[in-house]
Amino acid sequence: MSATITGFEPYISDDEVVFRMPGMTKGNLAQLRYTGKGPKFYKPSPRVVLYKWSDVQNWIEDHAQTKTR
C-alpha cells in the first residue's frame, strides 16, 4: 500500500506541459529551460525533467500582456 501525502502536487513531464499549453512544443520548452526564461523545473536525474503545473501556471501569469509589442 502506498502512502498518500495530503496537499502533495504531483510532478508532470514536459509532454504533459506541452499537452496543456496550446502552441508550446517540447523544443520551445527545452529552449526556455536552457535560457532560464521558462517555468521552474526539477531535474532529479540527467535525463528526467519534471514540472509542477502550479509553477507553469505562475510563469504564464507572470507573462500576461495588455498589448502587443
PDB file of N, CA and C in Angstrom:
ATOM      1  N   MET A   1       0.846  -1.173   0.000  1.00  0.00           N
ATOM      2  CA  MET A   1       0.000   0.000   0.000  1.00  0.00           C
ATOM      3  C   MET A   1       0.891   1.236   0.000  1.00  0.00           C
ATOM      4  N   SER A   2       0.626   2.187  -0.906  1.00  0.00           N
ATOM      5  CA  SER A   2       1.439   3.398  -0.965  1.00  0.00           C
ATOM      6  C   SER A   2       0.825   4.487  -0.098  1.00  0.00           C
ATOM      7  N   ALA A   3       1.678   5.294   0.457  1.00  0.00           N
ATOM      8  CA  ALA A   3       1.231   6.381   1.320  1.00  0.00           C
ATOM      9  C   ALA A   3       0.805   7.566   0.462  1.00  0.00           C
ATOM     10  N   THR A   4      -0.197   8.291   0.902  1.00  0.00           N
ATOM     11  CA  THR A   4      -0.661   9.491   0.233  1.00  0.00           C
ATOM     12  C   THR A   4      -0.275  10.689   1.079  1.00  0.00           C
ATOM     13  N   ILE A   5       0.325  11.668   0.459  1.00  0.00           N
ATOM     14  CA  ILE A   5       0.714  12.883   1.164  1.00  0.00           C
ATOM     15  C   ILE A   5      -0.355  13.931   0.904  1.00  0.00           C
ATOM     16  N   THR A   6      -0.969  14.422   1.959  1.00  0.00           N
ATOM     17  CA  THR A   6      -2.016  15.427   1.827  1.00  0.00           C
ATOM     18  C   THR A   6      -1.415  16.718   1.296  1.00  0.00           C
ATOM     19  N   GLY A   7      -2.049  17.278   0.285  1.00  0.00           N
ATOM     20  CA  GLY A   7      -1.595  18.532  -0.279  1.00  0.00           C
ATOM     21  C   GLY A   7      -0.442  18.388  -1.259  1.00  0.00           C
ATOM     22  N   PHE A   8      -0.035  17.176  -1.555  1.00  0.00           N
ATOM     23  CA  PHE A   8       1.066  16.956  -2.487  1.00  0.00           C
ATOM     24  C   PHE A   8       0.598  17.194  -3.913  1.00  0.00           C
ATOM     25  N   GLU A   9       1.347  17.991  -4.649  1.00  0.00           N
ATOM     26  CA  GLU A   9       1.044  18.222  -6.052  1.00  0.00           C
ATOM     27  C   GLU A   9       1.951  17.322  -6.890  1.00  0.00           C
ATOM     28  N   PRO A  10       1.396  16.462  -7.702  1.00  0.00           N
ATOM     29  CA  PRO A  10       2.235  15.557  -8.482  1.00  0.00           C
ATOM     30  C   PRO A  10       3.060  16.318  -9.521  1.00  0.00           C
ATOM     31  N   TYR A  11       4.195  15.765  -9.836  1.00  0.00           N
ATOM     32  CA  TYR A  11       5.041  16.326 -10.883  1.00  0.00           C
ATOM     33  C   TYR A  11       4.509  15.871 -12.228  1.00  0.00           C
ATOM     34  N   ILE A  12       4.724  16.701 -13.245  1.00  0.00           N
ATOM     35  CA  ILE A  12       4.296  16.354 -14.597  1.00  0.00           C
ATOM     36  C   ILE A  12       5.495  16.448 -15.541  1.00  0.00           C
ATOM     37  N   SER A  13       5.429  15.715 -16.628  1.00  0.00           N
ATOM     38  CA  SER A  13       6.505  15.688 -17.615  1.00  0.00           C
ATOM     39  C   SER A  13       6.373  16.859 -18.588  1.00  0.00           C
ATOM     40  N   ASP A  14       7.400  17.065 -19.392  1.00  0.00           N
ATOM     41  CA  ASP A  14       7.324  18.093 -20.419  1.00  0.00           C
ATOM     42  C   ASP A  14       6.232  17.752 -21.439  1.00  0.00           C
ATOM     43  N   ASP A  15       5.992  16.462 -21.670  1.00  0.00           N
ATOM     44  CA  ASP A  15       4.888  16.067 -22.556  1.00  0.00           C
ATOM     45  C   ASP A  15       3.551  16.584 -22.035  1.00  0.00           C
ATOM     46  N   GLU A  16       3.349  16.479 -20.734  1.00  0.00           N
ATOM     47  CA  GLU A  16       2.093  16.946 -20.127  1.00  0.00           C
ATOM     48  C   GLU A  16       2.001  18.471 -20.204  1.00  0.00           C
ATOM     49  N   VAL A  17       3.110  19.165 -19.983  1.00  0.00           N
ATOM     50  CA  VAL A  17       3.112  20.632 -20.092  1.00  0.00           C
ATOM     51  C   VAL A  17       2.714  21.036 -21.505  1.00  0.00           C
ATOM     52  N   VAL A  18       3.333  20.412 -22.508  1.00  0.00           N
ATOM     53  CA  VAL A  18       3.037  20.720 -23.912  1.00  0.00           C
ATOM     54  C   VAL A  18       1.582  20.408 -24.231  1.00  0.00           C
ATOM     55  N   PHE A  19       1.057  19.318 -23.700  1.00  0.00           N
ATOM     56  CA  PHE A  19      -0.346  18.939 -23.924  1.00  0.00           C
ATOM     57  C   PHE A  19      -1.295  20.007 -23.371  1.00  0.00           C
ATOM     58  N   ARG A  20      -0.952  20.557 -22.214  1.00  0.00           N
ATOM     59  CA  ARG A  20      -1.825  21.535 -21.556  1.00  0.00           C
ATOM     60  C   ARG A  20      -1.665  22.959 -22.087  1.00  0.00           C
ATOM     61  N   MET A  21      -0.597  23.233 -22.852  1.00  0.00           N
ATOM     62  CA  MET A  21      -0.334  24.585 -23.350  1.00  0.00           C
ATOM     63  C   MET A  21      -0.405  24.609 -24.872  1.00  0.00           C
ATOM     64  N   PRO A  22      -1.526  25.017 -25.433  1.00  0.00           N
ATOM     65  CA  PRO A  22      -1.633  25.076 -26.893  1.00  0.00           C
ATOM     66  C   PRO A  22      -0.523  25.950 -27.482  1.00  0.00           C
ATOM     67  N   GLY A  23       0.104  25.454 -28.543  1.00  0.00           N
ATOM     68  CA  GLY A  23       1.150  26.207 -29.217  1.00  0.00           C
ATOM     69  C   GLY A  23       2.552  25.950 -28.695  1.00  0.00           C
ATOM     70  N   MET A  24       2.690  25.362 -27.528  1.00  0.00           N
ATOM     71  CA  MET A  24       4.007  25.069 -26.959  1.00  0.00           C
ATOM     72  C   MET A  24       4.501  23.740 -27.511  1.00  0.00           C
ATOM     73  N   THR A  25       5.793  23.659 -27.798  1.00  0.00           N
ATOM     74  CA  THR A  25       6.396  22.405 -28.238  1.00  0.00           C
ATOM     75  C   THR A  25       7.468  22.003 -27.234  1.00  0.00           C
ATOM     76  N   LYS A  26       7.873  20.752 -27.303  1.00  0.00           N
ATOM     77  CA  LYS A  26       8.945  20.286 -26.413  1.00  0.00           C
ATOM     78  C   LYS A  26      10.240  21.038 -26.709  1.00  0.00           C
ATOM     79  N   GLY A  27      10.464  21.361 -27.972  1.00  0.00           N
ATOM     80  CA  GLY A  27      11.653  22.128 -28.344  1.00  0.00           C
ATOM     81  C   GLY A  27      11.640  23.526 -27.749  1.00  0.00           C
ATOM     82  N   ASN A  28      10.464  24.187 -27.813  1.00  0.00           N
ATOM     83  CA  ASN A  28      10.341  25.518 -27.200  1.00  0.00           C
ATOM     84  C   ASN A  28      10.600  25.447 -25.702  1.00  0.00           C
ATOM     85  N   LEU A  29      10.031  24.451 -25.071  1.00  0.00           N
ATOM     86  CA  LEU A  29      10.182  24.282 -23.629  1.00  0.00           C
ATOM     87  C   LEU A  29      11.647  24.024 -23.264  1.00  0.00           C
ATOM     88  N   ALA A  30      12.324  23.201 -24.051  1.00  0.00           N
ATOM     89  CA  ALA A  30      13.745  22.929 -23.808  1.00  0.00           C
ATOM     90  C   ALA A  30      14.572  24.205 -23.962  1.00  0.00           C
ATOM     91  N   GLN A  31      14.258  25.010 -24.965  1.00  0.00           N
ATOM     92  CA  GLN A  31      14.990  26.268 -25.172  1.00  0.00           C
ATOM     93  C   GLN A  31      14.747  27.231 -24.006  1.00  0.00           C
ATOM     94  N   LEU A  32      13.530  27.276 -23.514  1.00  0.00           N
ATOM     95  CA  LEU A  32      13.224  28.127 -22.358  1.00  0.00           C
ATOM     96  C   LEU A  32      13.997  27.669 -21.124  1.00  0.00           C
ATOM     97  N   ARG A  33      14.138  26.366 -20.945  1.00  0.00           N
ATOM     98  CA  ARG A  33      14.953  25.845 -19.832  1.00  0.00           C
ATOM     99  C   ARG A  33      16.396  26.265 -20.002  1.00  0.00           C
ATOM    100  N   TYR A  34      16.920  26.111 -21.212  1.00  0.00           N
ATOM    101  CA  TYR A  34      18.319  26.411 -21.500  1.00  0.00           C
ATOM    102  C   TYR A  34      18.640  27.886 -21.224  1.00  0.00           C
ATOM    103  N   THR A  35      17.737  28.779 -21.631  1.00  0.00           N
ATOM    104  CA  THR A  35      17.976  30.212 -21.454  1.00  0.00           C
ATOM    105  C   THR A  35      17.581  30.716 -20.069  1.00  0.00           C
ATOM    106  N   GLY A  36      16.908  29.862 -19.296  1.00  0.00           N
ATOM    107  CA  GLY A  36      16.477  30.277 -17.966  1.00  0.00           C
ATOM    108  C   GLY A  36      15.255  31.171 -17.981  1.00  0.00           C
ATOM    109  N   LYS A  37      14.521  31.177 -19.083  1.00  0.00           N
ATOM    110  CA  LYS A  37      13.353  32.044 -19.226  1.00  0.00           C
ATOM    111  C   LYS A  37      12.030  31.306 -19.063  1.00  0.00           C
ATOM    112  N   GLY A  38      12.083  30.014 -18.825  1.00  0.00           N
ATOM    113  CA  GLY A  38      10.874  29.212 -18.728  1.00  0.00           C
ATOM    114  C   GLY A  38      10.400  29.031 -17.298  1.00  0.00           C
ATOM    115  N   PRO A  39       9.394  28.194 -17.138  1.00  0.00           N
ATOM    116  CA  PRO A  39       8.877  27.920 -15.801  1.00  0.00           C
ATOM    117  C   PRO A  39       9.884  27.128 -14.968  1.00  0.00           C
ATOM    118  N   LYS A  40       9.738  27.227 -13.670  1.00  0.00           N
ATOM    119  CA  LYS A  40      10.575  26.468 -12.741  1.00  0.00           C
ATOM    120  C   LYS A  40      10.433  24.983 -13.055  1.00  0.00           C
ATOM    121  N   PHE A  41      11.562  24.260 -13.026  1.00  0.00           N
ATOM    122  CA  PHE A  41      11.528  22.834 -13.314  1.00  0.00           C
ATOM    123  C   PHE A  41      12.435  22.089 -12.347  1.00  0.00           C
ATOM    124  N   TYR A  42      12.284  20.783 -12.326  1.00  0.00           N
ATOM    125  CA  TYR A  42      13.041  19.895 -11.439  1.00  0.00           C
ATOM    126  C   TYR A  42      13.772  18.867 -12.297  1.00  0.00           C
ATOM    127  N   LYS A  43      14.993  18.562 -11.920  1.00  0.00           N
ATOM    128  CA  LYS A  43      15.802  17.627 -12.708  1.00  0.00           C
ATOM    129  C   LYS A  43      16.413  16.593 -11.757  1.00  0.00           C
ATOM    130  N   PRO A  44      15.636  15.566 -11.410  1.00  0.00           N
ATOM    131  CA  PRO A  44      16.126  14.574 -10.446  1.00  0.00           C
ATOM    132  C   PRO A  44      17.228  13.667 -11.005  1.00  0.00           C
ATOM    133  N   SER A  45      17.360  13.619 -12.327  1.00  0.00           N
ATOM    134  CA  SER A  45      18.446  12.867 -12.954  1.00  0.00           C
ATOM    135  C   SER A  45      18.759  13.551 -14.281  1.00  0.00           C
ATOM    136  N   PRO A  46      19.895  13.230 -14.899  1.00  0.00           N
ATOM    137  CA  PRO A  46      20.282  13.926 -16.136  1.00  0.00           C
ATOM    138  C   PRO A  46      19.266  13.857 -17.277  1.00  0.00           C
ATOM    139  N   ARG A  47      18.464  12.814 -17.321  1.00  0.00           N
ATOM    140  CA  ARG A  47      17.530  12.647 -18.446  1.00  0.00           C
ATOM    141  C   ARG A  47      16.065  12.891 -18.085  1.00  0.00           C
ATOM    142  N   VAL A  48      15.802  13.289 -16.857  1.00  0.00           N
ATOM    143  CA  VAL A  48      14.422  13.479 -16.410  1.00  0.00           C
ATOM    144  C   VAL A  48      14.195  14.950 -16.061  1.00  0.00           C
ATOM    145  N   VAL A  49      13.162  15.534 -16.661  1.00  0.00           N
ATOM    146  CA  VAL A  49      12.760  16.905 -16.358  1.00  0.00           C
ATOM    147  C   VAL A  49      11.305  16.851 -15.917  1.00  0.00           C
ATOM    148  N   LEU A  50      11.025  17.466 -14.785  1.00  0.00           N
ATOM    149  CA  LEU A  50       9.676  17.476 -14.232  1.00  0.00           C
ATOM    150  C   LEU A  50       9.248  18.899 -13.906  1.00  0.00           C
ATOM    151  N   TYR A  51       7.955  19.094 -13.914  1.00  0.00           N
ATOM    152  CA  TYR A  51       7.362  20.391 -13.576  1.00  0.00           C
ATOM    153  C   TYR A  51       6.234  20.167 -12.588  1.00  0.00           C
ATOM    154  N   LYS A  52       5.825  21.229 -11.920  1.00  0.00           N
ATOM    155  CA  LYS A  52       4.559  21.265 -11.191  1.00  0.00           C
ATOM    156  C   LYS A  52       3.670  22.199 -11.997  1.00  0.00           C
ATOM    157  N   TRP A  53       2.444  21.791 -12.227  1.00  0.00           N
ATOM    158  CA  TRP A  53       1.557  22.605 -13.052  1.00  0.00           C
ATOM    159  C   TRP A  53       1.360  23.987 -12.444  1.00  0.00           C
ATOM    160  N   SER A  54       1.350  24.084 -11.126  1.00  0.00           N
ATOM    161  CA  SER A  54       1.191  25.397 -10.490  1.00  0.00           C
ATOM    162  C   SER A  54       2.359  26.316 -10.840  1.00  0.00           C
ATOM    163  N   ASP A  55       3.577  25.782 -10.958  1.00  0.00           N
ATOM    164  CA  ASP A  55       4.734  26.594 -11.363  1.00  0.00           C
ATOM    165  C   ASP A  55       4.582  27.069 -12.797  1.00  0.00           C
ATOM    166  N   VAL A  56       4.070  26.202 -13.656  1.00  0.00           N
ATOM    167  CA  VAL A  56       3.845  26.573 -15.057  1.00  0.00           C
ATOM    168  C   VAL A  56       2.771  27.655 -15.127  1.00  0.00           C
ATOM    169  N   GLN A  57       1.690  27.487 -14.382  1.00  0.00           N
ATOM    170  CA  GLN A  57       0.621  28.491 -14.373  1.00  0.00           C
ATOM    171  C   GLN A  57       1.137  29.835 -13.862  1.00  0.00           C
ATOM    172  N   ASN A  58       1.945  29.817 -12.819  1.00  0.00           N
ATOM    173  CA  ASN A  58       2.507  31.066 -12.288  1.00  0.00           C
ATOM    174  C   ASN A  58       3.388  31.742 -13.333  1.00  0.00           C
ATOM    175  N   TRP A  59       4.183  30.958 -14.057  1.00  0.00           N
ATOM    176  CA  TRP A  59       5.029  31.501 -15.110  1.00  0.00           C
ATOM    177  C   TRP A  59       4.174  32.137 -16.208  1.00  0.00           C
ATOM    178  N   ILE A  60       3.086  31.470 -16.583  1.00  0.00           N
ATOM    179  CA  ILE A  60       2.176  32.030 -17.592  1.00  0.00           C
ATOM    180  C   ILE A  60       1.596  33.348 -17.093  1.00  0.00           C
ATOM    181  N   GLU A  61       1.109  33.349 -15.860  1.00  0.00           N
ATOM    182  CA  GLU A  61       0.523  34.569 -15.286  1.00  0.00           C
ATOM    183  C   GLU A  61       1.535  35.708 -15.215  1.00  0.00           C
ATOM    184  N   ASP A  62       2.790  35.386 -14.926  1.00  0.00           N
ATOM    185  CA  ASP A  62       3.843  36.407 -14.857  1.00  0.00           C
ATOM    186  C   ASP A  62       4.133  37.032 -16.223  1.00  0.00           C
ATOM    187  N   HIS A  63       3.688  36.376 -17.287  1.00  0.00           N
ATOM    188  CA  HIS A  63       3.929  36.883 -18.633  1.00  0.00           C
ATOM    189  C   HIS A  63       2.644  37.411 -19.295  1.00  0.00           C
ATOM    190  N   ALA A  64       1.684  37.796 -18.487  1.00  0.00           N
ATOM    191  CA  ALA A  64       0.449  38.360 -19.019  1.00  0.00           C
ATOM    192  C   ALA A  64       0.765  39.688 -19.711  1.00  0.00           C
ATOM    193  N   GLN A  65       0.092  39.940 -20.802  1.00  0.00           N
ATOM    194  CA  GLN A  65       0.305  41.157 -21.603  1.00  0.00           C
ATOM    195  C   GLN A  65      -0.988  41.942 -21.706  1.00  0.00           C
ATOM    196  N   THR A  66      -0.857  43.248 -21.857  1.00  0.00           N
ATOM    197  CA  THR A  66      -2.029  44.091 -22.079  1.00  0.00           C
ATOM    198  C   THR A  66      -2.064  44.663 -23.491  1.00  0.00           C
ATOM    199  N   LYS A  67      -0.944  44.484 -24.218  1.00  0.00           N
ATOM    200  CA  LYS A  67      -0.901  44.923 -25.623  1.00  0.00           C
ATOM    201  C   LYS A  67       0.208  44.168 -26.339  1.00  0.00           C
ATOM    202  N   THR A  68       0.179  44.188 -27.654  1.00  0.00           N
ATOM    203  CA  THR A  68       1.258  43.561 -28.414  1.00  0.00           C
ATOM    204  C   THR A  68       2.413  44.540 -28.505  1.00  0.00           C
ATOM    205  N   ARG A  69       3.572  44.008 -28.757  1.00  0.00           N
ATOM    206  CA  ARG A  69       4.744  44.897 -28.804  1.00  0.00           C
ATOM    207  C   ARG A  69       5.003  45.422 -30.171  1.00  0.00           C
TER     208      ARG A  69
END
